[in-house]
Every structure is written in C-alpha cells, then in structure tokens.
Protein backbone atom coordinates (compact mmCIF):
# COMPACT_ATOMS: atom_id res chain seq x y z
CA ALA A 1 -39.27 -20.78 39.92
CA VAL A 2 -36.58 -19.26 37.73
CA THR A 3 -35.20 -19.97 34.27
CA VAL A 4 -31.53 -20.98 34.44
CA GLY A 5 -31.05 -21.88 30.76
CA PRO A 6 -30.57 -22.09 27.92
CA GLY A 7 -30.12 -18.46 26.93
CA LEU A 8 -27.89 -15.40 27.21
CA GLY A 9 -25.67 -15.74 30.24
CA LEU A 10 -25.97 -12.18 31.52
CA CYS A 11 -29.78 -12.20 31.35
CA LEU A 12 -29.96 -15.58 33.06
CA GLU A 13 -27.64 -14.44 35.83
CA VAL A 14 -29.75 -11.37 36.62
CA GLY A 15 -32.89 -13.51 36.94
CA VAL A 16 -31.28 -16.27 38.99
CA ARG A 17 -29.62 -13.82 41.38
CA LYS A 18 -32.95 -12.06 41.99
CA ALA A 19 -34.79 -15.36 42.52
CA LEU A 20 -32.19 -16.51 45.05
CA HIS A 21 -32.56 -13.32 47.07
CA ILE A 22 -36.37 -13.65 47.06
CA ALA A 23 -36.08 -17.31 48.14
CA ALA A 24 -33.69 -16.35 50.93
CA GLU A 25 -35.80 -13.39 52.13
CA TYR A 26 -39.11 -15.27 52.29
CA ARG A 27 -37.73 -18.78 52.94
CA LEU A 28 -39.19 -20.22 49.74
CA PRO A 29 -37.98 -23.31 47.89
CA LEU A 30 -36.13 -22.61 44.64
CA VAL A 31 -37.00 -24.46 41.43
CA ARG A 32 -34.60 -24.19 38.50
CA VAL A 33 -36.45 -24.34 35.17
CA HIS A 34 -35.40 -25.20 31.60
CA HIS A 35 -36.73 -22.54 29.22
CA MET A 36 -37.81 -24.94 26.49
CA GLU A 37 -39.35 -27.39 28.94
CA ALA A 38 -41.39 -24.48 30.32
CA HIS A 39 -42.80 -23.88 26.82
CA MET A 40 -43.79 -27.56 26.71
CA MET A 41 -45.30 -27.80 30.17
CA VAL A 42 -47.54 -24.76 29.87
CA THR A 43 -49.67 -26.81 27.47
CA ARG A 44 -50.66 -28.85 30.58
CA LEU A 45 -51.82 -25.77 32.50
CA PRO A 46 -55.58 -26.02 33.17
CA PRO A 47 -57.43 -22.96 31.83
CA SER A 48 -59.58 -20.79 34.04
CA PRO A 49 -62.49 -21.24 34.20
CA LEU A 50 -62.01 -24.96 33.68
CA PRO A 51 -64.15 -26.12 30.73
CA GLU A 52 -66.18 -29.29 31.07
CA GLY A 53 -64.31 -32.35 29.89
CA PHE A 54 -60.87 -30.69 29.97
CA ALA A 55 -57.98 -33.15 29.98
CA ALA A 56 -54.35 -32.13 30.34
CA PRO A 57 -51.96 -33.83 27.90
CA ASP A 58 -50.47 -36.83 29.66
CA PHE A 59 -47.11 -38.50 29.17
CA PRO A 60 -45.69 -39.73 26.92
CA LEU A 61 -46.34 -36.91 24.46
CA ILE A 62 -44.80 -35.42 21.35
CA THR A 63 -43.74 -31.79 21.53
CA LEU A 64 -43.02 -29.48 18.63
CA LEU A 65 -41.16 -26.37 19.81
CA VAL A 66 -41.44 -23.55 17.27
CA SER A 67 -40.11 -20.13 18.18
CA GLY A 68 -37.67 -17.41 17.20
CA GLY A 69 -34.81 -19.27 18.81
CA HIS A 70 -35.77 -22.92 18.67
CA ASN A 71 -37.20 -25.49 16.28
CA MET A 72 -37.33 -28.95 17.75
CA ALA A 73 -39.39 -32.16 17.69
CA VAL A 74 -39.23 -34.00 21.02
CA LEU A 75 -40.61 -37.15 22.62
CA THR A 76 -41.37 -36.32 26.25
CA ARG A 77 -41.78 -39.23 28.66
CA GLY A 78 -42.08 -37.00 31.72
CA VAL A 79 -40.71 -33.91 33.38
CA GLY A 80 -36.99 -33.84 32.62
CA GLN A 81 -37.24 -36.89 30.35
CA HIS A 82 -36.88 -35.83 26.72
CA ILE A 83 -35.63 -37.48 23.52
CA ILE A 84 -34.80 -35.07 20.68
CA LEU A 85 -36.13 -36.44 17.41
CA GLY A 86 -35.10 -33.51 15.26
CA SER A 87 -34.03 -29.87 15.37
CA THR A 88 -32.92 -27.14 13.02
CA ILE A 89 -29.51 -27.30 11.38
CA ASP A 90 -29.50 -23.53 10.82
CA ASP A 91 -32.36 -21.05 11.40
CA SER A 92 -35.50 -21.70 13.41
CA ILE A 93 -38.85 -21.16 11.71
CA GLY A 94 -39.49 -18.09 13.87
CA GLU A 95 -36.15 -16.58 12.89
CA ALA A 96 -36.95 -17.25 9.22
CA PHE A 97 -40.32 -15.52 9.58
CA ASP A 98 -38.77 -12.49 11.27
CA LYS A 99 -35.91 -12.12 8.78
CA THR A 100 -38.23 -12.57 5.79
CA ALA A 101 -40.48 -9.91 7.26
CA ARG A 102 -37.53 -7.49 7.29
CA VAL A 103 -36.72 -8.33 3.67
CA LEU A 104 -40.30 -7.36 2.80
CA GLY A 105 -39.94 -4.03 4.58
CA ILE A 106 -41.79 -4.91 7.79
CA THR A 107 -40.15 -2.92 10.57
CA GLN A 108 -42.20 -4.10 13.55
CA VAL A 109 -40.53 -6.52 15.96
CA PRO A 110 -41.17 -9.39 15.99
CA GLY A 111 -42.02 -9.40 12.31
CA GLY A 112 -43.51 -12.89 12.08
CA PRO A 113 -47.08 -12.01 13.11
CA HIS A 114 -47.10 -9.07 10.67
CA LEU A 115 -45.82 -11.31 7.87
CA GLU A 116 -48.66 -13.73 8.61
CA ARG A 117 -51.19 -10.92 8.23
CA LEU A 118 -49.54 -9.77 5.00
CA ALA A 119 -49.62 -13.33 3.62
CA LYS A 120 -53.41 -13.44 4.00
CA ASP A 121 -53.66 -10.91 1.14
CA GLY A 122 -51.38 -12.91 -1.15
CA ASP A 123 -51.51 -15.90 -3.47
CA PRO A 124 -48.98 -18.62 -2.53
CA LYS A 125 -49.05 -20.01 -6.08
CA VAL A 126 -47.68 -16.88 -7.76
CA HIS A 127 -44.07 -17.74 -6.85
CA VAL A 128 -42.32 -21.12 -6.64
CA LEU A 129 -39.82 -21.38 -3.80
CA PRO A 130 -37.51 -24.35 -3.10
CA ARG A 131 -38.57 -26.92 -0.54
CA PRO A 132 -35.89 -27.09 2.20
CA LEU A 133 -33.53 -30.09 2.11
CA SER A 134 -35.18 -31.42 -1.06
CA LYS A 135 -31.87 -31.45 -2.94
CA THR A 136 -29.50 -32.51 -0.17
CA ARG A 137 -27.22 -35.43 -0.97
CA ASP A 138 -27.14 -36.43 2.69
CA LYS A 139 -29.62 -39.29 2.98
CA ALA A 140 -29.77 -38.94 6.77
CA LEU A 141 -30.89 -35.32 6.38
CA MET A 142 -33.26 -36.17 3.56
CA ASP A 143 -35.00 -38.93 5.51
CA GLY A 144 -34.65 -37.48 9.01
CA CYS A 145 -36.62 -35.11 11.21
CA ASP A 146 -34.23 -32.15 11.19
CA TYR A 147 -35.26 -28.77 9.82
CA SER A 148 -33.60 -26.14 7.66
CA PHE A 149 -34.95 -22.68 6.87
CA SER A 150 -31.81 -20.78 5.87
CA GLY A 151 -32.02 -21.70 2.17
CA LEU A 152 -35.68 -20.73 1.99
CA LYS A 153 -34.93 -17.40 3.60
CA THR A 154 -32.15 -16.76 1.06
CA ALA A 155 -34.45 -17.74 -1.82
CA VAL A 156 -36.98 -15.14 -0.68
CA ARG A 157 -34.30 -12.45 -0.56
CA THR A 158 -33.21 -13.35 -4.09
CA LEU A 159 -36.82 -13.30 -5.28
CA VAL A 160 -37.46 -9.86 -3.78
CA GLU A 161 -34.27 -8.45 -5.30
CA LYS A 162 -35.36 -9.78 -8.69
CA GLU A 163 -39.08 -8.99 -8.64
CA LEU A 164 -39.13 -5.90 -6.45
CA PRO A 165 -35.91 -3.91 -6.93
CA SER A 166 -36.02 -0.41 -5.49
CA ALA A 167 -36.68 1.23 -8.88
CA LYS A 168 -39.60 -1.05 -9.68
CA ALA A 169 -41.04 -0.91 -6.19
CA SER A 170 -41.04 2.89 -6.15
CA ALA A 171 -42.93 2.95 -9.46
CA LEU A 172 -45.76 0.74 -8.18
CA SER A 173 -48.90 2.09 -6.60
CA GLU A 174 -49.31 1.44 -2.87
CA GLU A 175 -51.97 -1.18 -3.62
CA ASP A 176 -49.86 -3.01 -6.22
CA LEU A 177 -46.77 -2.96 -4.00
CA HIS A 178 -48.78 -4.40 -1.12
CA LYS A 179 -50.11 -7.19 -3.36
CA ALA A 180 -46.64 -7.99 -4.71
CA LYS A 181 -45.21 -8.27 -1.20
CA ALA A 182 -48.22 -10.28 -0.04
CA ASP A 183 -47.66 -12.84 -2.80
CA VAL A 184 -44.06 -13.31 -1.69
CA ALA A 185 -45.11 -13.59 1.96
CA ALA A 186 -47.77 -16.17 1.10
CA ALA A 187 -45.33 -18.25 -0.95
CA PHE A 188 -42.77 -18.20 1.86
CA GLN A 189 -45.29 -19.10 4.55
CA ASN A 190 -46.74 -21.92 2.46
CA VAL A 191 -43.36 -23.62 1.90
CA ALA A 192 -42.20 -23.03 5.50
CA VAL A 193 -45.34 -24.60 6.94
CA GLN A 194 -45.17 -27.53 4.51
CA HIS A 195 -41.57 -28.24 5.57
CA LEU A 196 -42.45 -27.92 9.25
CA CYS A 197 -45.39 -30.31 8.94
CA GLU A 198 -43.58 -32.85 6.78
CA ARG A 199 -40.82 -33.20 9.36
CA ALA A 200 -43.25 -33.09 12.29
CA SER A 201 -45.21 -35.95 10.77
CA ARG A 202 -42.07 -38.05 10.43
CA ALA A 203 -41.09 -37.23 14.02
CA ALA A 204 -44.53 -38.30 15.20
CA GLY A 205 -44.03 -41.64 13.46
CA TRP A 206 -40.64 -42.11 15.11
CA ALA A 207 -42.04 -41.19 18.52
CA MET A 208 -44.90 -43.65 18.25
CA GLU A 209 -42.49 -46.42 17.35
CA LEU A 210 -40.75 -45.75 20.67
CA GLU A 211 -43.94 -45.10 22.67
CA PRO A 212 -47.01 -46.60 20.97
CA SER A 213 -49.27 -45.34 23.78
CA THR A 214 -48.60 -41.70 22.83
CA LYS A 215 -51.87 -39.80 22.43
CA TRP A 216 -50.86 -36.12 22.34
CA LEU A 217 -49.06 -33.67 20.08
CA VAL A 218 -48.37 -30.40 21.85
CA VAL A 219 -47.16 -27.34 19.96
CA ALA A 220 -45.39 -24.60 21.89
CA GLY A 221 -43.40 -21.43 21.25
CA GLY A 222 -44.23 -18.11 19.62
CA VAL A 223 -44.84 -19.53 16.13
CA ALA A 224 -47.59 -21.75 17.58
CA ALA A 225 -49.78 -18.63 17.45
CA ASN A 226 -49.62 -18.69 13.62
CA LYS A 227 -52.97 -19.93 12.29
CA GLU A 228 -51.49 -21.61 9.20
CA VAL A 229 -48.99 -23.46 11.38
CA ARG A 230 -51.78 -24.65 13.66
CA LYS A 231 -53.92 -25.73 10.71
CA GLY A 232 -51.08 -27.73 9.17
CA LEU A 233 -50.16 -29.40 12.46
CA GLU A 234 -53.79 -30.27 13.17
CA GLU A 235 -53.65 -32.31 9.96
CA VAL A 236 -50.46 -34.00 11.18
CA ALA A 237 -52.14 -34.86 14.49
CA GLU A 238 -55.18 -36.27 12.69
CA GLU A 239 -52.95 -38.32 10.40
CA HIS A 240 -51.40 -40.03 13.44
CA SER A 241 -54.64 -40.21 15.50
CA LEU A 242 -53.25 -37.76 18.05
CA GLN A 243 -54.95 -35.01 19.99
CA MET A 244 -53.29 -31.62 19.54
CA ARG A 245 -52.92 -28.95 22.18
CA CYS A 246 -51.52 -25.42 21.83
CA PRO A 247 -51.35 -22.84 24.60
CA PRO A 248 -53.52 -19.75 24.15
CA PRO A 249 -51.67 -17.18 21.98
CA ARG A 250 -50.68 -15.06 25.00
CA LEU A 251 -48.82 -18.05 26.45
CA CYS A 252 -47.11 -19.03 23.18
CA VAL A 253 -44.52 -16.26 23.49
CA ASP A 254 -42.00 -16.11 26.35
CA ASN A 255 -43.89 -15.37 29.57
CA GLY A 256 -43.69 -15.76 33.32
CA VAL A 257 -46.70 -18.05 33.57
CA MET A 258 -44.95 -20.88 31.74
CA VAL A 259 -41.95 -20.68 34.08
CA ALA A 260 -44.22 -20.67 37.13
CA TRP A 261 -46.18 -23.69 35.87
CA ALA A 262 -43.00 -25.63 35.01
CA GLY A 263 -41.86 -24.79 38.53
CA ILE A 264 -45.04 -26.31 39.97
CA GLU A 265 -44.60 -29.48 37.91
CA ARG A 266 -41.03 -29.87 39.15
CA PHE A 267 -41.86 -28.92 42.74
CA LEU A 268 -44.52 -31.64 42.94
CA LEU A 269 -41.86 -34.17 41.91
CA GLY A 270 -39.48 -32.96 44.60
CA LEU A 271 -37.17 -31.25 42.09
CA TYR A 272 -36.43 -28.16 44.15
CA GLU A 273 -33.81 -26.73 46.49
CA GLU A 274 -34.14 -25.48 50.03
CA PRO A 275 -33.86 -21.68 50.26
CA PRO A 276 -30.33 -20.35 50.74
CA SER A 277 -29.34 -18.18 53.65
CA LYS A 278 -29.50 -14.42 53.15
CA THR A 279 -25.74 -14.14 53.44
CA GLY A 280 -25.07 -17.05 51.10
CA ALA A 281 -27.57 -16.36 48.33
CA ASP A 282 -24.95 -15.02 45.94
CA ASN A 283 -22.91 -18.21 46.35
CA HIS A 284 -25.66 -20.28 44.71
CA VAL A 285 -25.86 -18.43 41.37
CA GLU A 286 -25.73 -21.09 38.69
CA ILE A 287 -26.71 -20.60 35.06
CA ARG A 288 -26.70 -23.00 32.11
CA PRO A 289 -26.57 -21.03 28.84
CA ARG A 290 -26.22 -24.29 26.88
CA TRP A 291 -28.35 -26.60 28.99
CA PRO A 292 -29.27 -29.57 26.73
CA LEU A 293 -32.93 -30.56 26.76
CA GLY A 294 -32.11 -34.25 26.40
CA GLU A 295 -30.35 -36.92 24.38
CA ARG A 296 -30.86 -37.24 20.62
CA ASP A 297 -32.63 -40.22 19.12
CA PRO A 298 -29.99 -42.53 17.52
CA ARG A 299 -31.76 -42.08 14.17
CA SER A 300 -31.23 -38.33 14.42
CA GLN A 301 -27.49 -37.82 14.62
CA GLN A 302 -27.52 -34.28 13.32
CA ARG A 303 -25.07 -33.35 10.60
CA PHE A 304 -24.26 -29.81 9.56
CA PRO A 305 -23.38 -28.85 5.98
CA LYS A 306 -19.67 -28.24 5.48
CA GLY A 307 -18.61 -24.74 6.50
CA GLN A 308 -21.93 -23.94 8.16
CA LYS A 309 -21.87 -22.26 11.55
CA ARG A 310 -23.52 -24.38 14.18
CA LYS A 311 -26.39 -22.47 15.74
CA ALA A 312 -27.78 -25.11 18.06
CA GLU A 313 -24.73 -26.07 20.12
CA HIS A 314 -26.84 -26.20 23.29
CA LEU A 315 -28.62 -29.26 21.86
CA LYS A 316 -25.40 -31.27 22.11
CA PRO A 317 -25.52 -33.52 25.19
CA THR A 318 -23.13 -32.41 27.91
CA ASN A 319 -22.39 -33.61 31.41
CA SER A 320 -23.74 -31.35 34.13
CA LYS A 321 -22.31 -32.00 37.57
CA SER A 322 -24.94 -29.75 39.16
CA ASP A 323 -28.12 -31.52 38.08
CA LYS A 324 -28.25 -34.89 39.80
CA ASN A 325 -32.00 -35.37 39.72
CA ASP A 326 -32.79 -35.35 36.03
CA LYS A 327 -31.47 -34.68 32.55
CA ALA A 328 -33.33 -31.46 31.96
C-alpha cells in the first residue's frame, strides 16, 4: 500500500517509485491509497488486544478530518465513496494552532500540542476573540459547514502585539509572562474548538438528512489528539445520538499504519493492481497531488472571500482518467 495523493509531488513520487519496485521484486499487489481516506479508515482498525464488545465504525459514517493540512467534514458511505459537507476556506485548525504557537514564542514543531499544554494554565475568559465567520455577509458561509481560522489567527497576533509587546514582555517575571501567554492560548483554543464543534454539529445534521441510519462520528488527523477538541466533539456526537471514535494518539498523526490499513480495506474490495514487471516498474509511477476526496454536497458550494488565495484546490472535483474503480 502506498500513498499517491494528495500532497507534495516530489515526496509522493519517491514513495510510489519505491513501492512499485518492492511490488515488482516480491510479486505483491499494489494498492494506491488516498492520504485523507487513510486517516479516516484507521478508525476502523481493531486494537490489539481486542477488547470485549469492540465494534468497528460501520458505513455510513461521518468523518471530521482535523490536521495541520486539512479541515473537512465528510459523509462516508464506503471506501472511496465520500461526500464533502464542509472544509476550510483558508487555514486548517492544525495550521492555526501551529502558527498561534509560534506567535506565543513556542519554537517546537509541531507547536499545536505545546500550545494545548500552555492553554491548560490559562483562563479563556481573560480575552475576547472574534468567532470565525460570525460577521460574514455571505449567508451561505454563515449557515454552512465550512470553516475559517485565518481571522482568528490574525486576531491572536494583534492581541499579542497589543498586550505583550517586547518591552512589556521583557519586564515581566517568568511566571507572569507564562500566565499572560497561557491566557492568550486558552482564549484561542476555546474559540477555535467552539467554531470547529459548531460547524461539525451542522455537518452531522446534514449527513443524517442524507443517511438517517448513520450511527458513527469518527475524528481523525493530528488535532484529534487534542483533549479539548475530543471533549467538544463528544458533546456533538451525544447531541446527535452518535457514537464517536478517535484513533489512539499515536495514530492521529501521519503514520504508516493508517496507509497499511487503508490498503487492506481497498485490497479486500478488489481495488488493487497486479505487480509490475521489474523492468517496467518505473513506467507505472503515478501521483495525484490534488486528488479530490469526493464531490461536494450541493448545499456546500464553497465560496472564497474576494482576493483570498485558495488553499484547498485539491478539494475541487476533477476528472481522473486513471482511477476507474472509485472516486477516491
């Protein structure tokens, strides 16, 4: 199993080329995997040892992808069968966490987990930050399931420049400076999670209109390891009478296990290729840097504010002449 997209072309090519040579050398079938679908499917991986009463999330299910590169609410009817209910119009929540961490002087990468720890020492009520999309004049954005974190990130930067300029910060004791930064981190995290959950709840409602038998909300991606995010989404799941499943924290970030498991799911459905010949392996290198996960729900025709750079171009449906078996 190998990831062929979406992602950076050069990185994808290195991985696909290596996988093709391994498949050719050992005569193994090749399964091409969608990166975001792999994040979804790993929530169905049975843990070891298998606990009593374990049930893997079954289809249809609602997926919330939250990571440094993606922020998406999806109705999944099966492997390769996805309807996008909403996605970010600018930054993902993970990107917002990481960039806010840098604004607060956190140098570790990724900064999100360190910002979460810092926020535990703060009071989210000390500062008032704007709720994303609350003032948009676009009714479709206001009432839809799309996300926006760019404005919140900018508001935090403005707040830090006002409340903690270099001169003032240097005059504070280490303890006071830590508390001041923690208050900002807590305020940011509180608003970000509220926005995430508000939109996720609306997406769950849309999904259940399409598939009333839906019983699961799965949360995947690196930000799924954030405890406040999990707590907020557990409330969303309860609101809609859904069961929620997150991978263990080690499988929330990008990892090989999720690709392998997605490969198994696809292999069992016959979505694989026979191994290439050793001499022809390099002729089968195919990557999809902008591989769309699926079609958008008609209610979610994403609009981007005037002049804003589009960051999620790979979400736009495209025709792929190479994938005849499924849409993802």
